[in-house]
Structure formats: C-alpha cells, structure tokens
Amino acid sequence: MSTLVVVASIGLFADGRELMQASVWAKPLKFGVSFVIYGATLAWLLPKLHRARRTMWTLGTAFAVTGPIDVGFIAVQAARGTYSHFNVNTDAFNQIGQVVFSSGVVGLFGASLLIAVMLLFQRVGDTALTWALRAGIGLSVIGMALASFIRGWAATGPRPAEDAYGNPVTLLGQHGVGAPDGDGMPITNWSTAGGDLRVPHFIGLHSIQVFVLAVLLLTALAARIGWLRSERVRAQLTGVVILGYTALFAITTWQAMRGQSLVHPDAATWIALAVTVVATALPAALVISSARRGEVARWVAAGA
C-alpha cells in the first residue's frame, strides 16, 4: 500500500487522464493512504492481543493478503483509465475483476468483524485503551458495512459514462445520494451537490485511530496534570470522545442519506451538531470538575 501511495502520487502529477473531472490516480491514492493507516493500526494492535494468537495471526494475514488484491484492482483500472466501482461493462477483464473486487470487500469486512468480536473478550492496556480499541474497531466495521450499503441506497439504474479515453462505460450505482457523482471537493472528491455516503464511511473507518490518539494524548498530559493520572478519569474522558465521534458518524450518515452535501448543512444538521457539542462538552466538564476536586481533596488530606 505504501508503494501504491508513491506510484499514485507520481501519477497524480505525471498523468493527465481524468474520470469525472478527477485524476484517474486520485482513487488509488486515497485507498492506498487509508490502508496504510488502517493496516499499521492492525499491525500494532494484533500482537497486543494475548488470547487466540493463532486466530488473530490468521485474521491479520487474511486482511494483509485481501487488501492488496482488492485495492490492486482499483489501481489496475486506474492504469487502464477506467472505473473500478460500479462498472458493469461486459468485457472479460472487467467482469472477472469485479468478482475478485467484490470478494476482497467481503474478506476485508469479515476479518475486521471477527477481530472486533474477539476484542470484546480481551483487555488491552488500561481501561481507556481497551474501550478505545473496542469502540474504534467496532465503528470501523460499521463504516465498512456502510460501503457495501452505498450501491443499494444510492443506485439509480444503469447510466452511461466515459472512460479517460472517451470510450463508453456503463455504471450501475453511485456514491452520491440525490445528485450524480462528480462536482467533488478537492482531494476527497466528496460531492458538493448532494449527499455522499463516502463521508460517514471515512469517518467510521478511521475512528480507531482517533480514539487511540485521544488515549495517547490523555496519557501524555497525565505526566503534567495530576488529576489525569487516574485511570478512571482517562477512561471517562475517552468515553466522551467516543460518544461525540459516534454522534458525528451518525449525523453525517443521516445527512448523506437525505441527499445533503457535507459542505451545505441545513438547519436540522446544525441543530444536531449543536446538541452533540453540548452533550459531549457537559459530561467532559463534569468529569474534569470532579477530578480536579478530588485532586484538591487529596492535597488537603496530604497536608493535614
């Protein structure tokens, strides 16, 4: 995947071919970066699990093998100047490739789902890290499941398109809801004209990195802030982060399904975001206030 990131980055600037106003190498680059991050997380996580080591090794290997096969098809289609997703052209290469592509998605989802289930029965590090990993891998699996939901929800029927050479391509399904694919944001290519289920897919998929980073930050701050040295306090604050991020995932999913672009939220979306901010800020403030009072009480008791 790291090699793909390098190749796709070069292609982004050296290859002028485009699909729907975006470089043919934009999609392989995004998938490569995403898999580097997610794969590195699994490589760090799996050795820390002490139960069913052989099973975990097998699941990690399945993910490591299936990922390049799945994303490899995306890269090959980019090199051919055509679509990987939703492409129902009847040429033999595309038909065989689509079967391999679909099988890879099932393999990636299945391996991640089993890891998530097995995490429920294991403790990794302190309470904050354990819950961050459980919630993170769980929400990542939901984000993956949402990707398979995209075709069914957003599909409109076969529609014509052109590949990078102007040749006809038939597409069945799309990422957008309420607007055809295209008119995307820079880099992400998420729709600016309608809903886009890739937004919550991305947010869910990388939740585990957000939660682990939150734990690492709280642990680092605990070296200087006395009331953060309590494992319980760090676990409670991690729970607040999980709550707020999960709400963000739910809001962006709801927003996309209503055919609304991420960058054009309506009043209902703003209200949901405001409620989320209050619902996370209030418990965070209560946890911090209680922890600081406890720290002061300990100082007083120590002085007495």
Protein backbone atom coordinates (compact mmCIF):
# COMPACT_ATOMS: atom_id res chain seq x y z
CA MET A 1 0.00 0.00 0.00
CA SER A 2 2.90 2.35 0.73
CA THR A 3 4.29 1.59 -2.72
CA LEU A 4 0.89 2.34 -4.23
CA VAL A 5 0.82 5.71 -2.45
CA VAL A 6 4.16 6.60 -4.09
CA VAL A 7 3.11 5.38 -7.55
CA ALA A 8 -0.31 7.07 -7.38
CA SER A 9 1.24 10.32 -6.14
CA ILE A 10 3.56 10.38 -9.14
CA GLY A 11 0.66 9.50 -11.44
CA LEU A 12 -1.42 12.32 -10.00
CA PHE A 13 1.03 14.87 -11.45
CA ALA A 14 2.53 12.99 -14.39
CA ASP A 15 -0.66 11.51 -15.86
CA GLY A 16 -3.24 13.96 -17.18
CA ARG A 17 -6.07 11.45 -17.67
CA GLU A 18 -9.28 12.13 -15.74
CA LEU A 19 -12.53 10.45 -14.73
CA MET A 20 -15.35 12.81 -13.76
CA GLN A 21 -13.02 15.81 -13.51
CA ALA A 22 -10.59 13.99 -11.17
CA SER A 23 -7.28 12.31 -11.89
CA VAL A 24 -7.51 8.58 -12.56
CA TRP A 25 -4.94 8.16 -9.78
CA ALA A 26 -6.91 10.04 -7.12
CA LYS A 27 -8.89 6.98 -6.03
CA PRO A 28 -5.89 4.60 -5.78
CA LEU A 29 -4.04 7.28 -3.79
CA LYS A 30 -6.91 7.67 -1.29
CA PHE A 31 -7.30 3.92 -0.87
CA GLY A 32 -3.55 3.47 -0.50
CA VAL A 33 -3.28 6.10 2.23
CA SER A 34 -6.33 4.73 4.03
CA PHE A 35 -4.99 1.17 4.00
CA VAL A 36 -1.54 2.26 5.16
CA ILE A 37 -3.13 3.90 8.22
CA TYR A 38 -5.57 1.07 8.94
CA GLY A 39 -3.03 -1.68 8.24
CA ALA A 40 -0.44 -0.06 10.51
CA THR A 41 -3.06 0.14 13.24
CA LEU A 42 -3.84 -3.58 12.95
CA ALA A 43 -0.13 -4.44 12.86
CA TRP A 44 0.30 -2.54 16.13
CA LEU A 45 -2.87 -3.94 17.70
CA LEU A 46 -2.81 -7.66 16.93
CA PRO A 47 0.45 -8.52 18.76
CA LYS A 48 -1.04 -6.96 21.91
CA LEU A 49 -3.90 -9.48 21.99
CA HIS A 50 -2.97 -12.42 24.18
CA ARG A 51 -5.88 -14.77 23.55
CA ALA A 52 -6.30 -16.84 20.38
CA ARG A 53 -2.97 -15.66 18.99
CA ARG A 54 -3.06 -18.10 16.08
CA THR A 55 -6.57 -16.99 15.13
CA MET A 56 -5.56 -13.34 15.31
CA TRP A 57 -2.48 -14.03 13.19
CA THR A 58 -4.71 -15.74 10.62
CA LEU A 59 -7.16 -12.83 10.55
CA GLY A 60 -4.32 -10.31 10.22
CA THR A 61 -2.82 -12.32 7.38
CA ALA A 62 -6.21 -12.55 5.66
CA PHE A 63 -6.53 -8.76 5.86
CA ALA A 64 -2.96 -8.24 4.62
CA VAL A 65 -3.49 -10.55 1.63
CA THR A 66 -7.01 -9.46 0.73
CA GLY A 67 -6.26 -5.73 0.92
CA PRO A 68 -3.72 -5.59 -1.93
CA ILE A 69 -5.94 -7.83 -4.08
CA ASP A 70 -8.92 -5.55 -3.53
CA VAL A 71 -7.09 -2.25 -3.93
CA GLY A 72 -4.93 -3.76 -6.67
CA PHE A 73 -7.97 -3.96 -8.91
CA ILE A 74 -8.66 -0.27 -8.26
CA ALA A 75 -5.07 0.56 -9.24
CA VAL A 76 -5.19 -1.60 -12.38
CA GLN A 77 -8.44 0.01 -13.50
CA ALA A 78 -6.89 3.44 -12.91
CA ALA A 79 -3.93 2.45 -15.07
CA ARG A 80 -6.40 1.34 -17.76
CA GLY A 81 -8.12 4.72 -17.49
CA THR A 82 -11.49 3.33 -16.46
CA TYR A 83 -13.76 2.88 -13.45
CA SER A 84 -13.34 0.26 -10.74
CA HIS A 85 -16.53 0.96 -8.76
CA PHE A 86 -19.99 0.43 -10.31
CA ASN A 87 -18.50 -0.61 -13.67
CA VAL A 88 -20.75 -3.22 -15.31
CA ASN A 89 -19.11 -3.33 -18.73
CA THR A 90 -19.23 -6.81 -20.20
CA ASP A 91 -15.60 -7.20 -21.28
CA ALA A 92 -13.98 -10.27 -19.73
CA PHE A 93 -11.29 -8.39 -17.80
CA ASN A 94 -13.80 -6.14 -16.05
CA GLN A 95 -16.23 -8.94 -15.27
CA ILE A 96 -13.56 -11.17 -13.74
CA GLY A 97 -12.03 -8.20 -11.93
CA GLN A 98 -15.38 -7.20 -10.43
CA VAL A 99 -15.82 -10.69 -8.97
CA VAL A 100 -12.34 -10.51 -7.41
CA PHE A 101 -13.05 -6.98 -6.20
CA SER A 102 -16.32 -7.96 -4.54
CA SER A 103 -14.71 -11.00 -2.91
CA GLY A 104 -11.97 -8.79 -1.50
CA VAL A 105 -14.51 -6.47 0.13
CA VAL A 106 -16.18 -9.44 1.83
CA GLY A 107 -12.80 -10.72 3.05
CA LEU A 108 -11.77 -7.36 4.50
CA PHE A 109 -15.10 -6.88 6.23
CA GLY A 110 -15.16 -10.44 7.57
CA ALA A 111 -11.65 -10.27 9.03
CA SER A 112 -12.34 -6.91 10.69
CA LEU A 113 -15.67 -8.10 12.08
CA LEU A 114 -14.10 -11.18 13.70
CA ILE A 115 -11.28 -9.07 15.19
CA ALA A 116 -13.90 -6.70 16.61
CA VAL A 117 -15.84 -9.57 18.18
CA MET A 118 -12.71 -11.12 19.70
CA LEU A 119 -11.68 -7.75 21.13
CA LEU A 120 -14.80 -7.80 23.28
CA PHE A 121 -13.30 -10.64 25.30
CA GLN A 122 -9.81 -9.23 25.76
CA ARG A 123 -8.30 -6.38 27.73
CA VAL A 124 -5.53 -4.40 26.07
CA GLY A 125 -3.64 -1.98 28.32
CA ASP A 126 -5.63 0.20 30.70
CA THR A 127 -9.39 0.73 30.63
CA ALA A 128 -9.22 3.78 28.35
CA LEU A 129 -7.18 1.99 25.68
CA THR A 130 -9.30 -1.16 25.88
CA TRP A 131 -12.51 0.77 25.30
CA ALA A 132 -10.90 2.93 22.60
CA LEU A 133 -9.89 -0.19 20.67
CA ARG A 134 -13.22 -1.93 21.12
CA ALA A 135 -15.26 1.09 20.10
CA GLY A 136 -12.83 2.01 17.33
CA ILE A 137 -12.71 -1.35 15.62
CA GLY A 138 -16.48 -1.70 16.07
CA LEU A 139 -17.23 1.65 14.45
CA SER A 140 -14.68 0.86 11.72
CA VAL A 141 -16.59 -2.31 10.88
CA ILE A 142 -19.85 -0.32 10.70
CA GLY A 143 -18.08 2.14 8.39
CA MET A 144 -17.01 -0.76 6.18
CA ALA A 145 -20.56 -2.12 6.16
CA LEU A 146 -21.78 1.29 5.05
CA ALA A 147 -19.57 1.00 1.96
CA SER A 148 -21.46 -2.12 0.86
CA PHE A 149 -24.70 -0.24 1.51
CA ILE A 150 -23.77 2.54 -0.89
CA ARG A 151 -24.77 0.72 -4.07
CA GLY A 152 -28.19 -0.30 -2.76
CA TRP A 153 -29.09 3.10 -1.32
CA ALA A 154 -27.66 5.42 -3.93
CA ALA A 155 -28.25 3.30 -7.04
CA THR A 156 -30.38 4.90 -9.72
CA GLY A 157 -30.08 2.42 -12.55
CA PRO A 158 -27.59 1.91 -15.38
CA ARG A 159 -26.20 5.17 -16.67
CA PRO A 160 -23.70 5.98 -19.41
CA ALA A 161 -20.27 7.44 -18.71
CA GLU A 162 -16.97 7.78 -20.50
CA ASP A 163 -13.56 6.47 -19.53
CA ALA A 164 -10.38 8.55 -19.72
CA TYR A 165 -10.18 7.90 -23.49
CA GLY A 166 -13.79 8.80 -24.25
CA ASN A 167 -14.92 5.19 -24.60
CA PRO A 168 -18.43 4.33 -23.32
CA VAL A 169 -18.76 2.76 -19.86
CA THR A 170 -21.97 1.62 -18.16
CA LEU A 171 -22.18 2.34 -14.44
CA LEU A 172 -24.71 0.85 -12.04
CA GLY A 173 -24.79 2.61 -8.67
CA GLN A 174 -23.07 5.71 -7.36
CA HIS A 175 -21.60 7.27 -4.23
CA GLY A 176 -23.88 10.28 -4.32
CA VAL A 177 -27.40 10.50 -2.95
CA GLY A 178 -29.72 12.96 -4.66
CA ALA A 179 -27.08 14.01 -7.18
CA PRO A 180 -24.90 12.13 -9.68
CA ASP A 181 -21.24 11.52 -8.92
CA GLY A 182 -18.98 14.43 -9.86
CA ASP A 183 -18.75 18.02 -8.65
CA GLY A 184 -16.50 16.81 -5.86
CA MET A 185 -14.39 18.54 -3.24
CA PRO A 186 -10.62 18.81 -3.74
CA ILE A 187 -8.64 15.73 -2.65
CA THR A 188 -11.58 13.74 -1.19
CA ASN A 189 -13.87 14.24 -4.22
CA TRP A 190 -16.88 14.10 -1.88
CA SER A 191 -19.94 15.60 -3.54
CA THR A 192 -20.69 19.29 -3.13
CA ALA A 193 -24.04 18.95 -4.93
CA GLY A 194 -25.74 16.22 -2.88
CA GLY A 195 -25.29 13.60 -0.19
CA ASP A 196 -22.23 11.35 -0.24
CA LEU A 197 -22.03 8.13 1.78
CA ARG A 198 -18.24 8.15 1.49
CA VAL A 199 -18.17 10.82 4.22
CA PRO A 200 -19.51 8.64 7.07
CA HIS A 201 -17.67 5.66 5.57
CA PHE A 202 -14.38 7.53 6.02
CA ILE A 203 -15.30 8.81 9.49
CA GLY A 204 -16.26 5.34 10.69
CA LEU A 205 -13.32 3.55 9.10
CA HIS A 206 -10.72 5.71 10.84
CA SER A 207 -12.43 6.02 14.22
CA ILE A 208 -9.96 3.62 15.83
CA GLN A 209 -7.07 5.97 15.02
CA VAL A 210 -8.95 8.94 16.51
CA PHE A 211 -9.78 7.06 19.72
CA VAL A 212 -6.26 5.69 20.20
CA LEU A 213 -4.76 9.14 19.58
CA ALA A 214 -7.12 10.55 22.22
CA VAL A 215 -5.88 7.95 24.72
CA LEU A 216 -2.25 8.64 23.88
CA LEU A 217 -2.81 12.39 24.28
CA LEU A 218 -4.50 11.94 27.67
CA THR A 219 -1.69 9.64 28.80
CA ALA A 220 0.95 12.16 27.73
CA LEU A 221 -0.87 15.01 29.52
CA ALA A 222 -1.11 12.87 32.68
CA ALA A 223 2.64 13.33 33.17
CA ARG A 224 1.99 17.04 33.84
CA ILE A 225 -1.62 17.15 35.04
CA GLY A 226 -2.19 15.38 38.33
CA TRP A 227 -5.91 14.69 38.04
CA LEU A 228 -5.37 12.90 34.70
CA ARG A 229 -3.22 10.27 36.38
CA SER A 230 -6.36 8.47 37.45
CA GLU A 231 -7.13 5.60 35.06
CA ARG A 232 -10.83 6.11 35.73
CA VAL A 233 -10.73 9.77 34.71
CA ARG A 234 -8.89 8.99 31.47
CA ALA A 235 -11.38 6.23 30.72
CA GLN A 236 -14.32 8.59 31.31
CA LEU A 237 -12.86 11.27 29.03
CA THR A 238 -12.15 8.64 26.39
CA GLY A 239 -15.80 7.64 26.65
CA VAL A 240 -16.81 11.25 25.98
CA VAL A 241 -14.63 11.29 22.84
CA ILE A 242 -16.21 8.01 21.69
CA LEU A 243 -19.70 9.41 22.32
CA GLY A 244 -19.08 12.62 20.39
CA TYR A 245 -17.35 10.93 17.46
CA THR A 246 -20.05 8.28 17.15
CA ALA A 247 -22.66 11.04 17.09
CA LEU A 248 -20.69 12.75 14.30
CA PHE A 249 -20.72 9.48 12.35
CA ALA A 250 -24.49 9.17 12.82
CA ILE A 251 -25.12 12.80 11.82
CA THR A 252 -23.04 12.58 8.63
CA THR A 253 -24.77 9.31 7.70
CA TRP A 254 -28.18 10.91 8.25
CA GLN A 255 -27.10 13.99 6.32
CA ALA A 256 -25.85 11.94 3.35
CA MET A 257 -28.99 9.81 3.20
CA ARG A 258 -31.08 12.97 2.98
CA GLY A 259 -29.15 13.93 -0.15
CA GLN A 260 -27.34 16.78 1.58
CA SER A 261 -23.73 17.71 0.90
CA LEU A 262 -21.30 17.83 3.81
CA VAL A 263 -20.47 21.46 2.99
CA HIS A 264 -24.10 22.61 2.73
CA PRO A 265 -25.72 21.61 6.05
CA ASP A 266 -29.29 22.70 6.71
CA ALA A 267 -30.80 23.91 9.99
CA ALA A 268 -31.59 20.36 11.15
CA THR A 269 -27.97 19.31 10.70
CA TRP A 270 -26.70 22.38 12.56
CA ILE A 271 -29.10 21.66 15.44
CA ALA A 272 -27.91 18.03 15.61
CA LEU A 273 -24.30 19.20 15.68
CA ALA A 274 -25.06 21.75 18.40
CA VAL A 275 -26.80 19.09 20.51
CA THR A 276 -23.76 16.83 20.06
CA VAL A 277 -21.39 19.57 21.19
CA VAL A 278 -23.47 20.22 24.32
CA ALA A 279 -23.97 16.51 25.01
CA THR A 280 -20.22 15.92 24.93
CA ALA A 281 -18.98 19.17 26.48
CA LEU A 282 -21.24 18.85 29.53
CA PRO A 283 -20.10 15.37 30.66
CA ALA A 284 -16.49 16.29 29.87
CA ALA A 285 -16.80 19.35 32.11
CA LEU A 286 -18.38 17.27 34.87
CA VAL A 287 -15.61 14.66 34.69
CA ILE A 288 -12.88 17.31 34.76
CA SER A 289 -14.54 19.25 37.58
CA SER A 290 -14.97 16.11 39.70
CA ALA A 291 -11.38 15.00 39.03
CA ARG A 292 -9.97 18.40 40.00
CA ARG A 293 -12.00 18.49 43.20
CA GLY A 294 -10.69 15.04 44.04
CA GLU A 295 -7.13 16.18 43.40
CA VAL A 296 -7.58 19.20 45.69
CA ALA A 297 -9.05 16.96 48.39
CA ARG A 298 -6.01 14.68 48.19
CA TRP A 299 -3.67 17.66 48.53
CA VAL A 300 -5.57 18.84 51.60
CA ALA A 301 -5.52 15.37 53.13
CA ALA A 302 -1.80 15.01 52.42
CA GLY A 303 -1.11 18.41 54.02
CA ALA A 304 -3.15 17.52 57.10
